[in-house]
Protein backbone atom coordinates (compact mmCIF):
# COMPACT_ATOMS: atom_id res chain seq x y z
CA UNK A 1 -212.11 82.05 71.26
CA UNK A 2 -210.95 79.97 74.24
CA UNK A 3 -209.85 81.49 77.38
CA UNK A 4 -206.35 80.69 78.63
CA UNK A 5 -205.69 79.89 82.11
CA UNK A 6 -203.57 82.01 83.89
CA UNK A 7 -201.08 79.94 85.78
CA UNK A 8 -198.18 81.25 87.62
CA UNK A 9 -195.96 78.55 86.23
CA UNK A 10 -195.02 78.75 82.59
CA UNK A 11 -194.55 76.13 79.87
CA UNK A 12 -190.64 76.58 80.09
CA UNK A 13 -190.70 75.58 83.72
CA UNK A 14 -191.86 72.03 82.79
CA UNK A 15 -189.63 69.27 81.84
CA UNK A 16 -189.83 67.69 78.42
CA UNK A 17 -191.76 64.59 78.74
CA UNK A 18 -190.75 61.59 76.48
CA UNK A 19 -193.15 58.67 75.83
CA UNK A 20 -191.84 55.19 76.49
CA UNK A 21 -190.78 54.61 72.87
CA UNK A 22 -188.82 58.01 72.84
CA UNK A 23 -187.32 57.42 76.26
CA UNK A 24 -186.17 54.15 75.46
CA UNK A 25 -184.59 55.43 72.18
CA UNK A 26 -182.93 58.23 74.17
CA UNK A 27 -181.45 55.67 76.58
CA UNK A 28 -180.43 53.28 73.71
CA UNK A 29 -182.71 50.52 75.34
CA UNK A 30 -185.39 48.45 73.73
CA UNK A 31 -188.89 49.56 74.89
CA UNK A 32 -189.30 46.04 76.40
CA UNK A 33 -186.22 46.58 78.56
CA UNK A 34 -187.73 49.98 79.83
CA UNK A 35 -190.99 48.54 80.58
CA UNK A 36 -189.39 45.67 82.28
CA UNK A 37 -187.39 48.20 84.42
CA UNK A 38 -190.47 50.13 85.25
CA UNK A 39 -192.32 46.97 86.47
CA UNK A 40 -189.42 45.77 88.71
CA UNK A 41 -189.07 49.43 89.93
CA UNK A 42 -185.51 49.80 89.02
CA UNK A 43 -185.97 52.13 86.13
CA UNK A 44 -186.16 55.90 86.00
CA UNK A 45 -188.71 57.91 87.45
CA UNK A 46 -191.90 58.29 85.40
CA UNK A 47 -195.34 59.96 85.28
CA UNK A 48 -198.65 58.59 84.39
CA UNK A 49 -201.49 60.46 82.60
CA UNK A 50 -204.21 58.29 82.70
CA UNK A 51 -202.98 55.09 81.34
CA UNK A 52 -200.10 56.81 79.37
CA UNK A 53 -196.62 56.74 80.82
CA UNK A 54 -194.19 59.53 80.31
CA UNK A 55 -190.79 60.19 81.33
CA UNK A 56 -189.36 63.66 82.14
CA UNK A 57 -186.01 64.05 80.49
CA UNK A 58 -183.84 65.42 83.36
CA UNK A 59 -185.00 62.25 85.29
CA UNK A 60 -183.72 59.95 82.32
CA UNK A 61 -180.31 61.63 82.65
CA UNK A 62 -180.22 61.34 86.34
CA UNK A 63 -181.10 57.63 86.23
CA UNK A 64 -178.38 57.01 83.62
CA UNK A 65 -175.88 59.00 85.76
CA UNK A 66 -176.59 57.07 88.80
CA UNK A 67 -175.74 53.79 86.87
CA UNK A 68 -172.19 54.79 85.92
CA UNK A 69 -169.27 52.31 86.64
CA UNK A 70 -165.47 52.53 86.73
CA UNK A 71 -165.16 48.67 86.38
CA UNK A 72 -167.38 45.75 86.30
CA UNK A 73 -167.37 45.33 90.03
CA UNK A 74 -167.12 49.28 91.04
CA UNK A 75 -169.88 51.61 91.01
CA UNK A 76 -168.81 55.39 90.52
CA UNK A 77 -169.70 57.27 93.88
CA UNK A 78 -172.15 59.95 93.54
CA UNK A 79 -169.91 63.18 94.15
CA UNK A 80 -173.04 65.52 94.15
């Protein structure tokens, strides 16, 4: 039997982490577009676990909300 580590922080405190493929699907982008945005530094916040990349779901939503436009030339201001 393995001994569980006793952390003050429970699993419910952690955001859902999506793989690059899952995040691209969630944002309705291609994986290559999301990869390109990440390389340029203009994509959503991500985490690296070794060589693997994960996106916290709340950060995907925030990134999408920051890219809201009222017209082709007018970005919606953040009201928060």
